């Protein structure tokens, strides 16, 4: 791949995991600019500064609008999101928020 690979500090294993899923050596990857936050990574990708890896739910709108493309689709990973506020464990609002998040991620 000739395009610079944009990466983020919060997901350091994203490109190596993708390379492994494609049967490629992680050492062959050509890294481009790095970002502290996923939001900045996505903005850089929309601006055409390189290729990025991101969770499908976070780029769904950009894909639908044609601002981004997913030429290789998406791969399943063991990454998970967790919502945990021990002091609010039995607060019904926390349960409603968790349900809403599940619905949003499901599409």
PDB file of N, CA and C in Angstrom:
ATOM      1  N   UNK A   1       0.848  -1.170   0.000  1.00  0.00           N
ATOM      2  CA  UNK A   1       0.000   0.000   0.000  1.00  0.00           C
ATOM      3  C   UNK A   1       0.896   1.236   0.000  1.00  0.00           C
ATOM      4  N   UNK A   2       0.642   2.152  -0.900  1.00  0.00           N
ATOM      5  CA  UNK A   2       1.469   3.351  -1.033  1.00  0.00           C
ATOM      6  C   UNK A   2       1.000   4.519  -0.170  1.00  0.00           C
ATOM      7  N   UNK A   3      -0.275   4.541   0.176  1.00  0.00           N
ATOM      8  CA  UNK A   3      -0.813   5.651   0.951  1.00  0.00           C
ATOM      9  C   UNK A   3      -0.286   5.605   2.380  1.00  0.00           C
ATOM     10  N   UNK A   4      -0.095   6.783   3.009  1.00  0.00           N
ATOM     11  CA  UNK A   4       0.326   6.780   4.405  1.00  0.00           C
ATOM     12  C   UNK A   4      -0.766   6.198   5.299  1.00  0.00           C
ATOM     13  N   UNK A   5      -0.350   5.424   6.260  1.00  0.00           N
ATOM     14  CA  UNK A   5      -1.281   4.797   7.196  1.00  0.00           C
ATOM     15  C   UNK A   5      -1.401   5.681   8.434  1.00  0.00           C
ATOM     16  N   UNK A   6      -2.548   6.293   8.587  1.00  0.00           N
ATOM     17  CA  UNK A   6      -2.804   7.132   9.753  1.00  0.00           C
ATOM     18  C   UNK A   6      -3.055   6.230  10.958  1.00  0.00           C
ATOM     19  N   UNK A   7      -2.579   6.642  12.102  1.00  0.00           N
ATOM     20  CA  UNK A   7      -2.756   5.805  13.292  1.00  0.00           C
ATOM     21  C   UNK A   7      -3.038   6.677  14.504  1.00  0.00           C
ATOM     22  N   UNK A   8      -3.550   6.037  15.547  1.00  0.00           N
ATOM     23  CA  UNK A   8      -3.906   6.762  16.762  1.00  0.00           C
ATOM     24  C   UNK A   8      -3.325   6.071  17.989  1.00  0.00           C
ATOM     25  N   UNK A   9      -2.978   6.880  18.978  1.00  0.00           N
ATOM     26  CA  UNK A   9      -2.390   6.352  20.207  1.00  0.00           C
ATOM     27  C   UNK A   9      -3.352   5.438  20.951  1.00  0.00           C
ATOM     28  N   UNK A  10      -4.651   5.652  20.780  1.00  0.00           N
ATOM     29  CA  UNK A  10      -5.624   4.844  21.518  1.00  0.00           C
ATOM     30  C   UNK A  10      -5.829   3.456  20.913  1.00  0.00           C
ATOM     31  N   UNK A  11      -5.344   3.231  19.705  1.00  0.00           N
ATOM     32  CA  UNK A  11      -5.488   1.928  19.052  1.00  0.00           C
ATOM     33  C   UNK A  11      -4.170   1.528  18.394  1.00  0.00           C
ATOM     34  N   UNK A  12      -3.113   1.334  19.191  1.00  0.00           N
ATOM     35  CA  UNK A  12      -1.802   1.049  18.599  1.00  0.00           C
ATOM     36  C   UNK A  12      -1.730  -0.274  17.841  1.00  0.00           C
ATOM     37  N   UNK A  13      -2.610  -1.203  18.134  1.00  0.00           N
ATOM     38  CA  UNK A  13      -2.567  -2.507  17.467  1.00  0.00           C
ATOM     39  C   UNK A  13      -3.462  -2.588  16.233  1.00  0.00           C
ATOM     40  N   UNK A  14      -4.119  -1.496  15.858  1.00  0.00           N
ATOM     41  CA  UNK A  14      -5.072  -1.545  14.742  1.00  0.00           C
ATOM     42  C   UNK A  14      -4.408  -1.979  13.437  1.00  0.00           C
ATOM     43  N   UNK A  15      -3.322  -1.323  13.052  1.00  0.00           N
ATOM     44  CA  UNK A  15      -2.685  -1.693  11.785  1.00  0.00           C
ATOM     45  C   UNK A  15      -2.006  -3.061  11.848  1.00  0.00           C
ATOM     46  N   UNK A  16      -1.281  -3.397  12.909  1.00  0.00           N
ATOM     47  CA  UNK A  16      -0.726  -4.754  12.975  1.00  0.00           C
ATOM     48  C   UNK A  16      -1.804  -5.837  12.929  1.00  0.00           C
ATOM     49  N   UNK A  17      -2.951  -5.607  13.572  1.00  0.00           N
ATOM     50  CA  UNK A  17      -4.045  -6.590  13.526  1.00  0.00           C
ATOM     51  C   UNK A  17      -4.598  -6.703  12.114  1.00  0.00           C
ATOM     52  N   UNK A  18      -4.741  -5.571  11.432  1.00  0.00           N
ATOM     53  CA  UNK A  18      -5.228  -5.604  10.051  1.00  0.00           C
ATOM     54  C   UNK A  18      -4.230  -6.345   9.164  1.00  0.00           C
ATOM     55  N   UNK A  19      -2.941  -6.035   9.326  1.00  0.00           N
ATOM     56  CA  UNK A  19      -1.917  -6.704   8.517  1.00  0.00           C
ATOM     57  C   UNK A  19      -1.973  -8.213   8.727  1.00  0.00           C
ATOM     58  N   UNK A  20      -2.092  -8.638   9.970  1.00  0.00           N
ATOM     59  CA  UNK A  20      -2.174 -10.077  10.257  1.00  0.00           C
ATOM     60  C   UNK A  20      -3.403 -10.693   9.607  1.00  0.00           C
ATOM     61  N   UNK A  21      -4.529  -9.976   9.602  1.00  0.00           N
ATOM     62  CA  UNK A  21      -5.750 -10.517   8.993  1.00  0.00           C
ATOM     63  C   UNK A  21      -5.616 -10.650   7.482  1.00  0.00           C
ATOM     64  N   UNK A  22      -4.677  -9.899   6.900  1.00  0.00           N
ATOM     65  CA  UNK A  22      -4.455  -9.940   5.458  1.00  0.00           C
ATOM     66  C   UNK A  22      -3.253 -10.799   5.078  1.00  0.00           C
ATOM     67  N   UNK A  23      -2.621 -11.417   6.087  1.00  0.00           N
ATOM     68  CA  UNK A  23      -1.443 -12.235   5.830  1.00  0.00           C
ATOM     69  C   UNK A  23      -0.203 -11.418   5.514  1.00  0.00           C
ATOM     70  N   UNK A  24      -0.143 -10.192   5.998  1.00  0.00           N
ATOM     71  CA  UNK A  24       0.992  -9.308   5.749  1.00  0.00           C
ATOM     72  C   UNK A  24       1.832  -9.157   7.011  1.00  0.00           C
ATOM     73  N   UNK A  25       3.106  -8.866   6.826  1.00  0.00           N
ATOM     74  CA  UNK A  25       3.991  -8.620   7.962  1.00  0.00           C
ATOM     75  C   UNK A  25       3.790  -7.194   8.450  1.00  0.00           C
ATOM     76  N   UNK A  26       3.627  -7.022   9.734  1.00  0.00           N
ATOM     77  CA  UNK A  26       3.426  -5.685  10.302  1.00  0.00           C
ATOM     78  C   UNK A  26       4.620  -4.782  10.010  1.00  0.00           C
ATOM     79  N   UNK A  27       5.803  -5.369   9.868  1.00  0.00           N
ATOM     80  CA  UNK A  27       7.008  -4.584   9.597  1.00  0.00           C
ATOM     81  C   UNK A  27       6.953  -3.907   8.228  1.00  0.00           C
ATOM     82  N   UNK A  28       6.124  -4.409   7.331  1.00  0.00           N
ATOM     83  CA  UNK A  28       6.027  -3.852   5.980  1.00  0.00           C
ATOM     84  C   UNK A  28       5.121  -2.627   5.918  1.00  0.00           C
ATOM     85  N   UNK A  29       4.447  -2.311   7.000  1.00  0.00           N
ATOM     86  CA  UNK A  29       3.521  -1.180   7.004  1.00  0.00           C
ATOM     87  C   UNK A  29       4.281   0.144   6.988  1.00  0.00           C
ATOM     88  N   UNK A  30       3.789   1.082   6.216  1.00  0.00           N
ATOM     89  CA  UNK A  30       4.394   2.409   6.110  1.00  0.00           C
ATOM     90  C   UNK A  30       3.518   3.401   6.867  1.00  0.00           C
ATOM     91  N   UNK A  31       3.910   3.700   8.085  1.00  0.00           N
ATOM     92  CA  UNK A  31       3.095   4.577   8.925  1.00  0.00           C
ATOM     93  C   UNK A  31       3.224   6.030   8.509  1.00  0.00           C
ATOM     94  N   UNK A  32       2.099   6.719   8.568  1.00  0.00           N
ATOM     95  CA  UNK A  32       2.063   8.156   8.340  1.00  0.00           C
ATOM     96  C   UNK A  32       1.882   8.857   9.669  1.00  0.00           C
ATOM     97  N   UNK A  33       1.167   9.937   9.645  1.00  0.00           N
ATOM     98  CA  UNK A  33       0.969  10.760  10.828  1.00  0.00           C
ATOM     99  C   UNK A  33       0.167  10.035  11.904  1.00  0.00           C
ATOM    100  N   UNK A  34       0.543  10.261  13.150  1.00  0.00           N
ATOM    101  CA  UNK A  34      -0.173   9.697  14.287  1.00  0.00           C
ATOM    102  C   UNK A  34      -0.983  10.769  15.002  1.00  0.00           C
ATOM    103  N   UNK A  35      -2.043  10.344  15.664  1.00  0.00           N
ATOM    104  CA  UNK A  35      -2.937  11.271  16.348  1.00  0.00           C
ATOM    105  C   UNK A  35      -3.233  10.744  17.746  1.00  0.00           C
ATOM    106  N   UNK A  36      -3.433  11.661  18.681  1.00  0.00           N
ATOM    107  CA  UNK A  36      -3.769  11.281  20.050  1.00  0.00           C
ATOM    108  C   UNK A  36      -5.205  10.801  20.175  1.00  0.00           C
ATOM    109  N   UNK A  37      -6.100  11.348  19.368  1.00  0.00           N
ATOM    110  CA  UNK A  37      -7.521  11.029  19.486  1.00  0.00           C
ATOM    111  C   UNK A  37      -8.063  10.490  18.174  1.00  0.00           C
ATOM    112  N   UNK A  38      -8.962   9.549  18.272  1.00  0.00           N
ATOM    113  CA  UNK A  38      -9.582   8.941  17.100  1.00  0.00           C
ATOM    114  C   UNK A  38     -10.311   9.978  16.255  1.00  0.00           C
ATOM    115  N   UNK A  39     -10.918  10.961  16.890  1.00  0.00           N
ATOM    116  CA  UNK A  39     -11.631  12.001  16.150  1.00  0.00           C
ATOM    117  C   UNK A  39     -10.701  12.690  15.155  1.00  0.00           C
ATOM    118  N   UNK A  40      -9.490  13.043  15.586  1.00  0.00           N
ATOM    119  CA  UNK A  40      -8.545  13.719  14.696  1.00  0.00           C
ATOM    120  C   UNK A  40      -8.095  12.794  13.575  1.00  0.00           C
ATOM    121  N   UNK A  41      -7.940  11.537  13.881  1.00  0.00           N
ATOM    122  CA  UNK A  41      -7.587  10.548  12.863  1.00  0.00           C
ATOM    123  C   UNK A  41      -8.650  10.519  11.769  1.00  0.00           C
ATOM    124  N   UNK A  42      -9.910  10.489  12.166  1.00  0.00           N
ATOM    125  CA  UNK A  42     -10.999  10.442  11.187  1.00  0.00           C
ATOM    126  C   UNK A  42     -11.065  11.724  10.366  1.00  0.00           C
ATOM    127  N   UNK A  43     -10.848  12.868  10.999  1.00  0.00           N
ATOM    128  CA  UNK A  43     -10.837  14.133  10.257  1.00  0.00           C
ATOM    129  C   UNK A  43      -9.701  14.153   9.240  1.00  0.00           C
ATOM    130  N   UNK A  44      -8.538  13.612   9.607  1.00  0.00           N
ATOM    131  CA  UNK A  44      -7.412  13.549   8.673  1.00  0.00           C
ATOM    132  C   UNK A  44      -7.737  12.642   7.491  1.00  0.00           C
ATOM    133  N   UNK A  45      -8.405  11.535   7.754  1.00  0.00           N
ATOM    134  CA  UNK A  45      -8.798  10.632   6.668  1.00  0.00           C
ATOM    135  C   UNK A  45      -9.795  11.312   5.735  1.00  0.00           C
ATOM    136  N   UNK A  46     -10.776  12.003   6.292  1.00  0.00           N
ATOM    137  CA  UNK A  46     -11.757  12.729   5.471  1.00  0.00           C
ATOM    138  C   UNK A  46     -11.045  13.789   4.627  1.00  0.00           C
ATOM    139  N   UNK A  47      -9.998  14.412   5.179  1.00  0.00           N
ATOM    140  CA  UNK A  47      -9.244  15.438   4.456  1.00  0.00           C
ATOM    141  C   UNK A  47      -8.310  14.846   3.405  1.00  0.00           C
ATOM    142  N   UNK A  48      -8.227  13.513   3.341  1.00  0.00           N
ATOM    143  CA  UNK A  48      -7.395  12.876   2.330  1.00  0.00           C
ATOM    144  C   UNK A  48      -5.928  12.755   2.685  1.00  0.00           C
ATOM    145  N   UNK A  49      -5.596  12.806   3.972  1.00  0.00           N
ATOM    146  CA  UNK A  49      -4.201  12.743   4.389  1.00  0.00           C
ATOM    147  C   UNK A  49      -3.647  11.332   4.480  1.00  0.00           C
ATOM    148  N   UNK A  50      -4.483  10.322   4.320  1.00  0.00           N
ATOM    149  CA  UNK A  50      -4.018   8.948   4.388  1.00  0.00           C
ATOM    150  C   UNK A  50      -5.164   7.992   4.635  1.00  0.00           C
ATOM    151  N   UNK A  51      -4.793   6.768   4.943  1.00  0.00           N
ATOM    152  CA  UNK A  51      -5.747   5.681   5.170  1.00  0.00           C
ATOM    153  C   UNK A  51      -5.841   5.433   6.673  1.00  0.00           C
ATOM    154  N   UNK A  52      -7.050   5.228   7.166  1.00  0.00           N
ATOM    155  CA  UNK A  52      -7.261   5.040   8.601  1.00  0.00           C
ATOM    156  C   UNK A  52      -8.045   3.765   8.862  1.00  0.00           C
ATOM    157  N   UNK A  53      -7.908   3.263  10.066  1.00  0.00           N
ATOM    158  CA  UNK A  53      -8.720   2.147  10.552  1.00  0.00           C
ATOM    159  C   UNK A  53      -9.593   2.701  11.669  1.00  0.00           C
ATOM    160  N   UNK A  54     -10.887   2.405  11.583  1.00  0.00           N
ATOM    161  CA  UNK A  54     -11.815   2.904  12.599  1.00  0.00           C
ATOM    162  C   UNK A  54     -12.973   1.934  12.744  1.00  0.00           C
ATOM    163  N   UNK A  55     -13.608   1.924  13.909  1.00  0.00           N
ATOM    164  CA  UNK A  55     -14.791   1.087  14.098  1.00  0.00           C
ATOM    165  C   UNK A  55     -15.919   1.529  13.162  1.00  0.00           C
ATOM    166  N   UNK A  56     -16.579   0.578  12.559  1.00  0.00           N
ATOM    167  CA  UNK A  56     -17.645   0.870  11.596  1.00  0.00           C
ATOM    168  C   UNK A  56     -18.716   1.805  12.146  1.00  0.00           C
ATOM    169  N   UNK A  57     -19.186   1.638  13.381  1.00  0.00           N
ATOM    170  CA  UNK A  57     -20.224   2.558  13.864  1.00  0.00           C
ATOM    171  C   UNK A  57     -19.782   4.025  13.876  1.00  0.00           C
ATOM    172  N   UNK A  58     -18.490   4.271  14.045  1.00  0.00           N
ATOM    173  CA  UNK A  58     -18.008   5.649  14.104  1.00  0.00           C
ATOM    174  C   UNK A  58     -17.868   6.299  12.733  1.00  0.00           C
ATOM    175  N   UNK A  59     -17.800   5.506  11.675  1.00  0.00           N
ATOM    176  CA  UNK A  59     -17.641   6.066  10.327  1.00  0.00           C
ATOM    177  C   UNK A  59     -18.863   5.835   9.449  1.00  0.00           C
ATOM    178  N   UNK A  60     -19.895   5.259  10.010  1.00  0.00           N
ATOM    179  CA  UNK A  60     -21.096   4.913   9.232  1.00  0.00           C
ATOM    180  C   UNK A  60     -21.636   6.107   8.448  1.00  0.00           C
ATOM    181  N   UNK A  61     -21.784   7.260   9.088  1.00  0.00           N
ATOM    182  CA  UNK A  61     -22.324   8.437   8.404  1.00  0.00           C
ATOM    183  C   UNK A  61     -21.389   8.920   7.299  1.00  0.00           C
ATOM    184  N   UNK A  62     -20.077   8.921   7.562  1.00  0.00           N
ATOM    185  CA  UNK A  62     -19.116   9.341   6.541  1.00  0.00           C
ATOM    186  C   UNK A  62     -19.104   8.378   5.359  1.00  0.00           C
ATOM    187  N   UNK A  63     -19.279   7.102   5.618  1.00  0.00           N
ATOM    188  CA  UNK A  63     -19.369   6.126   4.528  1.00  0.00           C
ATOM    189  C   UNK A  63     -20.616   6.377   3.690  1.00  0.00           C
ATOM    190  N   UNK A  64     -21.746   6.577   4.353  1.00  0.00           N
ATOM    191  CA  UNK A  64     -23.011   6.797   3.647  1.00  0.00           C
ATOM    192  C   UNK A  64     -22.975   8.076   2.816  1.00  0.00           C
ATOM    193  N   UNK A  65     -22.272   9.094   3.310  1.00  0.00           N
ATOM    194  CA  UNK A  65     -22.196  10.378   2.607  1.00  0.00           C
ATOM    195  C   UNK A  65     -21.108  10.396   1.536  1.00  0.00           C
ATOM    196  N   UNK A  66     -20.312   9.331   1.462  1.00  0.00           N
ATOM    197  CA  UNK A  66     -19.249   9.285   0.465  1.00  0.00           C
ATOM    198  C   UNK A  66     -17.993  10.033   0.858  1.00  0.00           C
ATOM    199  N   UNK A  67     -17.890  10.485   2.112  1.00  0.00           N
ATOM    200  CA  UNK A  67     -16.683  11.172   2.561  1.00  0.00           C
ATOM    201  C   UNK A  67     -15.553  10.193   2.827  1.00  0.00           C
ATOM    202  N   UNK A  68     -15.902   8.970   3.168  1.00  0.00           N
ATOM    203  CA  UNK A  68     -14.924   7.907   3.391  1.00  0.00           C
ATOM    204  C   UNK A  68     -15.369   6.673   2.622  1.00  0.00           C
ATOM    205  N   UNK A  69     -14.433   5.768   2.397  1.00  0.00           N
ATOM    206  CA  UNK A  69     -14.736   4.493   1.745  1.00  0.00           C
ATOM    207  C   UNK A  69     -14.102   3.382   2.568  1.00  0.00           C
ATOM    208  N   UNK A  70     -14.658   2.199   2.470  1.00  0.00           N
ATOM    209  CA  UNK A  70     -14.113   1.024   3.160  1.00  0.00           C
ATOM    210  C   UNK A  70     -13.829  -0.038   2.100  1.00  0.00           C
ATOM    211  N   UNK A  71     -12.758   0.142   1.316  1.00  0.00           N
ATOM    212  CA  UNK A  71     -12.508  -0.772   0.193  1.00  0.00           C
ATOM    213  C   UNK A  71     -12.250  -2.215   0.605  1.00  0.00           C
ATOM    214  N   UNK A  72     -11.783  -2.443   1.829  1.00  0.00           N
ATOM    215  CA  UNK A  72     -11.525  -3.806   2.294  1.00  0.00           C
ATOM    216  C   UNK A  72     -12.561  -4.267   3.305  1.00  0.00           C
ATOM    217  N   UNK A  73     -13.599  -3.488   3.500  1.00  0.00           N
ATOM    218  CA  UNK A  73     -14.622  -3.862   4.466  1.00  0.00           C
ATOM    219  C   UNK A  73     -14.117  -3.692   5.890  1.00  0.00           C
ATOM    220  N   UNK A  74     -14.694  -4.450   6.786  1.00  0.00           N
ATOM    221  CA  UNK A  74     -14.350  -4.374   8.203  1.00  0.00           C
ATOM    222  C   UNK A  74     -13.987  -5.761   8.702  1.00  0.00           C
ATOM    223  N   UNK A  75     -13.070  -5.822   9.659  1.00  0.00           N
ATOM    224  CA  UNK A  75     -12.695  -7.107  10.245  1.00  0.00           C
ATOM    225  C   UNK A  75     -13.207  -7.156  11.678  1.00  0.00           C
ATOM    226  N   UNK A  76     -13.535  -8.342  12.116  1.00  0.00           N
ATOM    227  CA  UNK A  76     -13.972  -8.566  13.496  1.00  0.00           C
ATOM    228  C   UNK A  76     -12.735  -8.585  14.389  1.00  0.00           C
ATOM    229  N   UNK A  77     -12.796  -7.877  15.491  1.00  0.00           N
ATOM    230  CA  UNK A  77     -11.692  -7.893  16.449  1.00  0.00           C
ATOM    231  C   UNK A  77     -12.232  -8.222  17.832  1.00  0.00           C
ATOM    232  N   UNK A  78     -11.335  -8.347  18.771  1.00  0.00           N
ATOM    233  CA  UNK A  78     -11.766  -8.609  20.142  1.00  0.00           C
ATOM    234  C   UNK A  78     -11.941  -7.306  20.930  1.00  0.00           C
ATOM    235  N   UNK A  79     -11.849  -6.170  20.252  1.00  0.00           N
ATOM    236  CA  UNK A  79     -12.031  -4.879  20.919  1.00  0.00           C
ATOM    237  C   UNK A  79     -13.483  -4.725  21.362  1.00  0.00           C
ATOM    238  N   UNK A  80     -13.664  -4.199  22.534  1.00  0.00           N
ATOM    239  CA  UNK A  80     -15.001  -4.003  23.085  1.00  0.00           C
ATOM    240  C   UNK A  80     -15.073  -2.641  23.761  1.00  0.00           C
ATOM    241  N   UNK A  81     -16.261  -2.107  23.816  1.00  0.00           N
ATOM    242  CA  UNK A  81     -16.510  -0.882  24.564  1.00  0.00           C
ATOM    243  C   UNK A  81     -17.104  -1.263  25.909  1.00  0.00           C
ATOM    244  N   UNK A  82     -16.720  -0.545  26.934  1.00  0.00           N
ATOM    245  CA  UNK A  82     -17.267  -0.834  28.257  1.00  0.00           C
ATOM    246  C   UNK A  82     -17.789   0.455  28.885  1.00  0.00           C
ATOM    247  N   UNK A  83     -18.927   0.343  29.493  1.00  0.00           N
ATOM    248  CA  UNK A  83     -19.529   1.454  30.222  1.00  0.00           C
ATOM    249  C   UNK A  83     -19.604   1.012  31.677  1.00  0.00           C
ATOM    250  N   UNK A  84     -18.848   1.680  32.532  1.00  0.00           N
ATOM    251  CA  UNK A  84     -18.780   1.233  33.912  1.00  0.00           C
ATOM    252  C   UNK A  84     -18.678   2.434  34.838  1.00  0.00           C
ATOM    253  N   UNK A  85     -19.696   2.650  35.604  1.00  0.00           N
ATOM    254  CA  UNK A  85     -19.705   3.696  36.620  1.00  0.00           C
ATOM    255  C   UNK A  85     -20.180   3.027  37.904  1.00  0.00           C
ATOM    256  N   UNK A  86     -19.248   2.512  38.718  1.00  0.00           N
ATOM    257  CA  UNK A  86     -19.635   1.744  39.903  1.00  0.00           C
ATOM    258  C   UNK A  86     -20.639   2.448  40.806  1.00  0.00           C
ATOM    259  N   UNK A  87     -20.505   3.752  40.985  1.00  0.00           N
ATOM    260  CA  UNK A  87     -21.424   4.467  41.875  1.00  0.00           C
ATOM    261  C   UNK A  87     -22.840   4.523  41.315  1.00  0.00           C
ATOM    262  N   UNK A  88     -22.989   4.300  40.027  1.00  0.00           N
ATOM    263  CA  UNK A  88     -24.304   4.376  39.376  1.00  0.00           C
ATOM    264  C   UNK A  88     -24.790   3.009  38.901  1.00  0.00           C
ATOM    265  N   UNK A  89     -24.214   1.960  39.423  1.00  0.00           N
ATOM    266  CA  UNK A  89     -24.513   0.612  38.947  1.00  0.00           C
ATOM    267  C   UNK A  89     -26.002   0.298  38.955  1.00  0.00           C
ATOM    268  N   UNK A  90     -26.723   0.737  39.952  1.00  0.00           N
ATOM    269  CA  UNK A  90     -28.149   0.411  40.058  1.00  0.00           C
ATOM    270  C   UNK A  90     -29.056   1.591  39.686  1.00  0.00           C
ATOM    271  N   UNK A  91     -28.470   2.639  39.136  1.00  0.00           N
ATOM    272  CA  UNK A  91     -29.252   3.801  38.692  1.00  0.00           C
ATOM    273  C   UNK A  91     -29.951   3.435  37.383  1.00  0.00           C
ATOM    274  N   UNK A  92     -31.277   3.534  37.301  1.00  0.00           N
ATOM    275  CA  UNK A  92     -31.992   3.162  36.076  1.00  0.00           C
ATOM    276  C   UNK A  92     -31.571   3.993  34.867  1.00  0.00           C
ATOM    277  N   UNK A  93     -31.077   5.200  35.096  1.00  0.00           N
ATOM    278  CA  UNK A  93     -30.613   6.017  33.968  1.00  0.00           C
ATOM    279  C   UNK A  93     -29.391   5.395  33.307  1.00  0.00           C
ATOM    280  N   UNK A  94     -28.528   4.765  34.108  1.00  0.00           N
ATOM    281  CA  UNK A  94     -27.354   4.100  33.538  1.00  0.00           C
ATOM    282  C   UNK A  94     -27.781   2.933  32.659  1.00  0.00           C
ATOM    283  N   UNK A  95     -28.793   2.206  33.090  1.00  0.00           N
ATOM    284  CA  UNK A  95     -29.316   1.106  32.275  1.00  0.00           C
ATOM    285  C   UNK A  95     -29.913   1.591  30.972  1.00  0.00           C
ATOM    286  N   UNK A  96     -30.620   2.711  31.028  1.00  0.00           N
ATOM    287  CA  UNK A  96     -31.198   3.282  29.802  1.00  0.00           C
ATOM    288  C   UNK A  96     -30.102   3.767  28.858  1.00  0.00           C
ATOM    289  N   UNK A  97     -29.063   4.371  29.420  1.00  0.00           N
ATOM    290  CA  UNK A  97     -27.941   4.811  28.591  1.00  0.00           C
ATOM    291  C   UNK A  97     -27.259   3.616  27.931  1.00  0.00           C
ATOM    292  N   UNK A  98     -27.015   2.567  28.692  1.00  0.00           N
ATOM    293  CA  UNK A  98     -26.386   1.370  28.129  1.00  0.00           C
ATOM    294  C   UNK A  98     -27.243   0.776  27.017  1.00  0.00           C
ATOM    295  N   UNK A  99     -28.550   0.733  27.211  1.00  0.00           N
ATOM    296  CA  UNK A  99     -29.449   0.210  26.175  1.00  0.00           C
ATOM    297  C   UNK A  99     -29.400   1.082  24.928  1.00  0.00           C
ATOM    298  N   UNK A 100     -29.414   2.387  25.115  1.00  0.00           N
ATOM    299  CA  UNK A 100     -29.348   3.306  23.981  1.00  0.00           C
ATOM    300  C   UNK A 100     -28.045   3.113  23.209  1.00  0.00           C
ATOM    301  N   UNK A 101     -26.920   2.975  23.922  1.00  0.00           N
ATOM    302  CA  UNK A 101     -25.635   2.748  23.259  1.00  0.00           C
ATOM    303  C   UNK A 101     -25.656   1.457  22.449  1.00  0.00           C
ATOM    304  N   UNK A 102     -26.232   0.388  23.013  1.00  0.00           N
ATOM    305  CA  UNK A 102     -26.332  -0.882  22.268  1.00  0.00           C
ATOM    306  C   UNK A 102     -27.139  -0.691  20.991  1.00  0.00           C
ATOM    307  N   UNK A 103     -28.230   0.037  21.078  1.00  0.00           N
ATOM    308  CA  UNK A 103     -29.072   0.277  19.900  1.00  0.00           C
ATOM    309  C   UNK A 103     -28.330   1.088  18.847  1.00  0.00           C
ATOM    310  N   UNK A 104     -27.587   2.093  19.280  1.00  0.00           N
ATOM    311  CA  UNK A 104     -26.842   2.921  18.333  1.00  0.00           C
ATOM    312  C   UNK A 104     -25.757   2.111  17.630  1.00  0.00           C
ATOM    313  N   UNK A 105     -25.068   1.277  18.377  1.00  0.00           N
ATOM    314  CA  UNK A 105     -24.002   0.469  17.787  1.00  0.00           C
ATOM    315  C   UNK A 105     -24.545  -0.619  16.877  1.00  0.00           C
ATOM    316  N   UNK A 106     -25.765  -1.057  17.140  1.00  0.00           N
ATOM    317  CA  UNK A 106     -26.372  -2.096  16.302  1.00  0.00           C
ATOM    318  C   UNK A 106     -26.848  -1.527  14.971  1.00  0.00           C
ATOM    319  N   UNK A 107     -26.984  -0.241  14.893  1.00  0.00           N
ATOM    320  CA  UNK A 107     -27.389   0.379  13.623  1.00  0.00           C
ATOM    321  C   UNK A 107     -28.813   0.694  13.631  1.00  0.00           C
TER     322      UNK A 107
END
